Amino acid sequence: MAEPFPALYLSHGAPPLVDDELWVSQLAAWARELPRPAAILVVSAHWESEPLTIGSTSADTPLTYDFWGFPQRYFETTYNAPGAEQLAERVEALVSGDGPVRRHPDRRLDHGAYVPLTVMYPDADIPVLQISMPTLDPAALLRLGERLRPLRDEGVLIMGSGFTTHGLPFLDDWSPNADPPQWSVEFDAWAADTLAAGDVDALIDFRHRAPGMPYAHPTIEHWSPLFVALGASADPGQAPRQVIDGYWMGLAKRSIQLV
C-alpha cells in the first residue's frame, strides 16, 4: 500500500441503527470513500476482558447478541465474514510484549462490531477480528493502539466502536429523532472542538474537563475505544476528519477518521 490505512472511531448505535435511513446512508458513504481493507480489526465498547483477548477466527462461531428488549428480527441478523486467523496471529505478536494474550474461540462479533459492518460492508466478504479492551484506562489504550499501528501498513482497518455520548439512564425520550439533552449537546460540542485542536491530554481527562459529565458517560466504555484509534494513528495529536455528526435517540453519533 502507498499509504497506511486510516483508523476510525465510530458511534455504532443499537441494532435499530439499520432502520435509520440517514445514519445508514452516512456509514455506507463513508465506507465507499475508504480503500478496500484486507481485514478489519474491531475494538468494541461491549467487550471488556483482561488480559487482552482475541475473539473467534471462525465464521462458524455465532454472533454475540449482547442486547435485550428488541424485536426478534434483530436476533436473527447474521454476518458471516471470513475468519481472520492470520490477523489474530499478527495481533498476538504485536501486543504480547505488554503481557499475556488470551484466545476466546467461542466469542465472535458483538453488536458494536457487526451492526455498523452490516451497513459499511454488507457483503461480509472481508475478514473481521474482534479483540477485547483489556482496560478502560485511556493511557493504556493509547499504548495498545500504538502496538497495533503497524497493521495499518498491512491494509488493516482498525475500528474503535463506541458512542460519543451514552447517557442511557438519563434519557427521557428514546425515540430515534428525540431532541438531544443539554448534557449530550455540551459534551459533543466539547468533543468536536477538542478533537479539532488535537488536545489528547484533554480527551484523556474527559471525566474532569468535559461539560455534560457524568451524564454523557455514566460509565466510560463507549468513549474508551477512541483511545485505541488515536494510538493507532500516525499522530494522536492530529486534527481528525470528523465524518459524521448529529444525534440519534438524543445521543451524539460523532465519528472520526484518523490518518
Protein backbone atom coordinates (compact mmCIF):
# COMPACT_ATOMS: atom_id res chain seq x y z
CA MET A 1 0.00 0.00 0.00
CA ALA A 2 1.18 3.53 -0.79
CA GLU A 3 -0.23 4.93 2.46
CA PRO A 4 -1.26 3.37 5.77
CA PHE A 5 -4.93 2.60 6.23
CA PRO A 6 -6.86 5.08 8.36
CA ALA A 7 -8.06 4.30 11.86
CA LEU A 8 -11.67 5.02 12.80
CA TYR A 9 -13.68 5.83 15.88
CA LEU A 10 -17.36 5.47 15.15
CA SER A 11 -20.57 5.65 17.11
CA HIS A 12 -22.15 2.30 16.44
CA GLY A 13 -25.73 2.57 17.64
CA ALA A 14 -28.02 -0.19 18.77
CA PRO A 15 -29.46 -2.86 16.46
CA PRO A 16 -32.17 -0.45 15.17
CA LEU A 17 -29.43 1.66 13.56
CA VAL A 18 -30.07 -0.38 10.42
CA ASP A 19 -33.56 1.17 10.24
CA ASP A 20 -32.30 4.77 10.33
CA GLU A 21 -32.05 5.86 6.69
CA LEU A 22 -29.84 8.89 7.35
CA TRP A 23 -27.33 7.06 9.51
CA VAL A 24 -27.21 4.09 7.15
CA SER A 25 -26.54 6.41 4.23
CA GLN A 26 -23.76 8.18 6.15
CA LEU A 27 -21.99 4.96 7.13
CA ALA A 28 -22.36 3.47 3.66
CA ALA A 29 -20.99 6.62 2.00
CA TRP A 30 -18.05 6.62 4.42
CA ALA A 31 -17.20 3.01 3.56
CA ARG A 32 -17.32 3.79 -0.16
CA GLU A 33 -14.73 6.55 0.35
CA LEU A 34 -12.28 4.19 2.05
CA PRO A 35 -9.95 1.89 0.13
CA ARG A 36 -10.98 -1.72 0.47
CA PRO A 37 -9.33 -3.20 3.58
CA ALA A 38 -7.53 -6.54 3.55
CA ALA A 39 -9.03 -7.18 7.02
CA ILE A 40 -10.85 -5.32 9.78
CA LEU A 41 -9.88 -5.24 13.46
CA VAL A 42 -12.59 -4.06 15.85
CA VAL A 43 -12.38 -2.91 19.45
CA SER A 44 -15.92 -2.52 20.75
CA ALA A 45 -17.33 -0.86 23.85
CA HIS A 46 -19.17 -4.10 24.52
CA TRP A 47 -16.21 -6.35 25.22
CA GLU A 48 -14.06 -5.71 28.26
CA SER A 49 -11.79 -8.59 29.22
CA GLU A 50 -8.41 -8.73 30.90
CA PRO A 51 -5.91 -9.79 29.69
CA LEU A 52 -6.36 -8.75 26.10
CA THR A 53 -8.46 -11.44 24.46
CA ILE A 54 -8.67 -12.37 20.81
CA GLY A 55 -12.07 -13.46 19.61
CA SER A 56 -13.01 -16.36 17.39
CA THR A 57 -11.44 -16.59 13.96
CA SER A 58 -14.08 -18.96 12.61
CA ALA A 59 -17.02 -17.76 10.54
CA ASP A 60 -19.00 -20.65 12.05
CA THR A 61 -18.98 -19.03 15.50
CA PRO A 62 -22.35 -17.32 16.10
CA LEU A 63 -22.61 -13.59 16.58
CA THR A 64 -22.86 -12.28 20.14
CA TYR A 65 -26.36 -10.85 20.56
CA ASP A 66 -25.47 -8.76 23.60
CA PHE A 67 -28.77 -6.88 23.96
CA TRP A 68 -32.34 -7.47 25.02
CA GLY A 69 -35.80 -6.00 24.65
CA PHE A 70 -35.67 -5.68 20.85
CA PRO A 71 -37.86 -7.46 18.29
CA GLN A 72 -36.86 -10.99 17.34
CA ARG A 73 -35.66 -9.98 13.88
CA TYR A 74 -32.62 -8.27 15.40
CA PHE A 75 -31.60 -11.59 16.95
CA GLU A 76 -31.73 -13.21 13.52
CA THR A 77 -29.10 -10.95 11.96
CA THR A 78 -26.15 -12.81 10.50
CA TYR A 79 -22.74 -11.54 9.42
CA ASN A 80 -20.63 -14.47 8.30
CA ALA A 81 -17.45 -12.61 7.41
CA PRO A 82 -14.38 -14.81 6.87
CA GLY A 83 -12.30 -15.63 9.89
CA ALA A 84 -9.06 -13.72 10.36
CA GLU A 85 -6.56 -16.19 11.79
CA GLN A 86 -3.57 -14.51 10.17
CA LEU A 87 -4.62 -11.18 11.66
CA ALA A 88 -5.11 -12.83 15.06
CA GLU A 89 -1.55 -14.13 14.91
CA ARG A 90 -0.23 -10.68 13.98
CA VAL A 91 -2.14 -9.06 16.84
CA GLU A 92 -0.81 -11.66 19.24
CA ALA A 93 2.75 -10.98 18.10
CA LEU A 94 2.38 -7.20 18.30
CA VAL A 95 0.84 -6.99 21.78
CA SER A 96 2.36 -9.95 23.61
CA GLY A 97 5.27 -7.83 24.81
CA ASP A 98 2.86 -5.98 27.11
CA GLY A 99 1.61 -9.08 28.87
CA PRO A 100 -0.36 -12.27 28.33
CA VAL A 101 -2.83 -12.65 25.47
CA ARG A 102 -5.79 -14.99 25.66
CA ARG A 103 -7.98 -16.60 23.00
CA HIS A 104 -11.76 -16.93 23.25
CA PRO A 105 -12.80 -19.28 20.43
CA ASP A 106 -16.49 -19.14 21.38
CA ARG A 107 -16.93 -15.36 21.22
CA ARG A 108 -17.08 -13.61 17.89
CA LEU A 109 -18.58 -10.25 16.92
CA ASP A 110 -20.91 -8.32 19.25
CA HIS A 111 -23.33 -5.67 18.07
CA GLY A 112 -20.75 -2.90 18.46
CA ALA A 113 -18.84 -4.66 15.68
CA TYR A 114 -21.35 -6.27 13.38
CA VAL A 115 -24.14 -3.66 13.36
CA PRO A 116 -22.05 -0.95 11.63
CA LEU A 117 -20.30 -3.56 9.48
CA THR A 118 -23.60 -4.82 8.07
CA VAL A 119 -24.06 -1.30 6.73
CA MET A 120 -20.50 -0.47 5.72
CA TYR A 121 -19.52 -3.85 4.25
CA PRO A 122 -22.83 -5.67 3.72
CA ASP A 123 -21.33 -8.45 1.58
CA ALA A 124 -19.46 -9.77 4.63
CA ASP A 125 -16.54 -10.75 2.42
CA ILE A 126 -13.70 -9.07 4.36
CA PRO A 127 -12.07 -10.97 7.25
CA VAL A 128 -13.03 -9.44 10.61
CA LEU A 129 -11.46 -9.94 14.01
CA GLN A 130 -12.61 -8.53 17.35
CA ILE A 131 -10.37 -8.11 20.37
CA SER A 132 -11.29 -7.10 23.87
CA MET A 133 -10.49 -3.91 25.72
CA PRO A 134 -8.22 -5.17 28.50
CA THR A 135 -8.66 -1.94 30.44
CA LEU A 136 -10.58 1.34 30.32
CA ASP A 137 -7.53 3.39 31.21
CA PRO A 138 -7.08 5.89 28.33
CA ALA A 139 -3.27 5.95 28.52
CA ALA A 140 -3.08 2.16 28.39
CA LEU A 141 -5.48 2.05 25.44
CA LEU A 142 -3.34 4.62 23.63
CA ARG A 143 -0.36 2.29 24.10
CA LEU A 144 -2.42 -0.63 22.80
CA GLY A 145 -3.25 1.40 19.70
CA GLU A 146 0.44 2.18 19.22
CA ARG A 147 1.23 -1.52 19.35
CA LEU A 148 -1.40 -2.18 16.68
CA ARG A 149 -0.30 0.70 14.43
CA PRO A 150 1.87 -1.46 12.10
CA LEU A 151 -1.29 -3.26 10.96
CA ARG A 152 -2.33 -0.13 9.10
CA ASP A 153 0.63 -0.62 6.76
CA GLU A 154 -0.73 -4.09 6.00
CA GLY A 155 -4.14 -2.92 4.83
CA VAL A 156 -5.97 -3.49 8.11
CA LEU A 157 -8.79 -1.13 9.04
CA ILE A 158 -8.62 -0.52 12.81
CA MET A 159 -12.04 0.43 14.13
CA GLY A 160 -12.83 1.68 17.62
CA SER A 161 -16.58 1.31 18.06
CA GLY A 162 -18.30 3.24 20.84
CA PHE A 163 -20.68 6.20 21.15
CA THR A 164 -19.72 9.84 21.62
CA THR A 165 -22.38 10.21 24.30
CA HIS A 166 -24.06 7.28 26.01
CA GLY A 167 -26.09 8.51 28.95
CA LEU A 168 -28.87 5.97 28.60
CA PRO A 169 -30.05 6.25 32.24
CA PHE A 170 -30.69 9.96 31.75
CA LEU A 171 -32.77 9.82 28.56
CA ASP A 172 -36.42 10.83 28.81
CA ASP A 173 -37.25 10.18 25.15
CA TRP A 174 -35.96 7.00 23.49
CA SER A 175 -37.28 7.73 20.01
CA PRO A 176 -34.64 7.89 17.24
CA ASN A 177 -35.37 11.55 16.44
CA ALA A 178 -35.56 12.76 20.05
CA ASP A 179 -34.12 16.16 20.83
CA PRO A 180 -30.70 15.74 22.45
CA PRO A 181 -30.46 16.57 26.17
CA GLN A 182 -28.26 19.52 27.08
CA TRP A 183 -25.54 17.27 28.53
CA SER A 184 -25.31 15.44 25.19
CA VAL A 185 -25.07 18.69 23.22
CA GLU A 186 -22.42 20.11 25.55
CA PHE A 187 -20.22 17.01 25.56
CA ASP A 188 -20.49 16.62 21.78
CA ALA A 189 -19.50 20.25 21.16
CA TRP A 190 -16.55 19.84 23.52
CA ALA A 191 -15.53 16.62 21.77
CA ALA A 192 -15.68 18.29 18.35
CA ASP A 193 -13.55 21.23 19.50
CA THR A 194 -11.07 19.13 21.46
CA LEU A 195 -10.58 16.66 18.62
CA ALA A 196 -10.09 19.54 16.18
CA ALA A 197 -7.46 21.01 18.50
CA GLY A 198 -5.69 17.66 18.82
CA ASP A 199 -5.68 18.04 22.60
CA VAL A 200 -5.02 14.46 23.64
CA ASP A 201 -4.46 15.37 27.29
CA ALA A 202 -7.93 16.91 27.49
CA LEU A 203 -9.50 13.93 25.75
CA ILE A 204 -7.85 11.61 28.27
CA ASP A 205 -9.05 13.76 31.18
CA PHE A 206 -12.61 13.99 29.82
CA ARG A 207 -14.19 12.98 33.13
CA HIS A 208 -12.91 16.22 34.67
CA ARG A 209 -12.74 18.59 31.70
CA ALA A 210 -15.74 17.81 29.54
CA PRO A 211 -19.07 19.54 30.14
CA GLY A 212 -22.03 17.22 30.39
CA MET A 213 -20.21 14.74 32.62
CA PRO A 214 -21.04 12.38 34.21
CA TYR A 215 -24.37 12.29 32.37
CA ALA A 216 -22.80 11.89 28.93
CA HIS A 217 -20.82 8.86 30.12
CA PRO A 218 -22.02 7.49 33.47
CA THR A 219 -19.80 4.54 32.57
CA ILE A 220 -16.90 5.17 30.22
CA GLU A 221 -16.67 2.11 27.99
CA HIS A 222 -18.29 3.85 24.99
CA TRP A 223 -15.69 6.64 24.92
CA SER A 224 -12.76 4.30 25.57
CA PRO A 225 -12.37 2.80 22.05
CA LEU A 226 -11.46 6.30 20.87
CA PHE A 227 -8.06 5.93 22.53
CA VAL A 228 -7.20 2.75 20.65
CA ALA A 229 -7.92 4.57 17.38
CA LEU A 230 -5.91 7.61 18.48
CA GLY A 231 -2.97 5.42 19.48
CA ALA A 232 -3.07 3.60 16.15
CA SER A 233 -2.95 6.87 14.21
CA ALA A 234 0.27 8.34 12.88
CA ASP A 235 -0.08 11.29 15.25
CA PRO A 236 -2.62 11.20 18.10
CA GLY A 237 -2.44 15.00 18.25
CA GLN A 238 -3.63 15.47 14.69
CA ALA A 239 -6.96 17.05 13.85
CA PRO A 240 -9.00 14.11 12.56
CA ARG A 241 -11.60 14.25 9.85
CA GLN A 242 -14.96 14.40 11.61
CA VAL A 243 -17.09 12.38 9.22
CA ILE A 244 -20.46 12.02 10.95
CA ASP A 245 -22.18 14.25 13.48
CA GLY A 246 -25.73 14.76 14.70
CA TYR A 247 -27.78 12.75 17.15
CA TRP A 248 -29.72 9.52 17.38
CA MET A 249 -32.07 8.99 20.30
CA GLY A 250 -30.52 12.17 21.70
CA LEU A 251 -27.04 10.62 21.76
CA ALA A 252 -24.16 12.13 19.79
CA LYS A 253 -23.11 9.93 16.89
CA ARG A 254 -19.92 11.87 16.09
CA SER A 255 -17.47 9.62 14.23
CA ILE A 256 -13.94 10.37 13.06
CA GLN A 257 -11.23 9.21 10.67
CA LEU A 258 -7.55 9.38 11.59
CA VAL A 259 -4.55 9.03 9.30
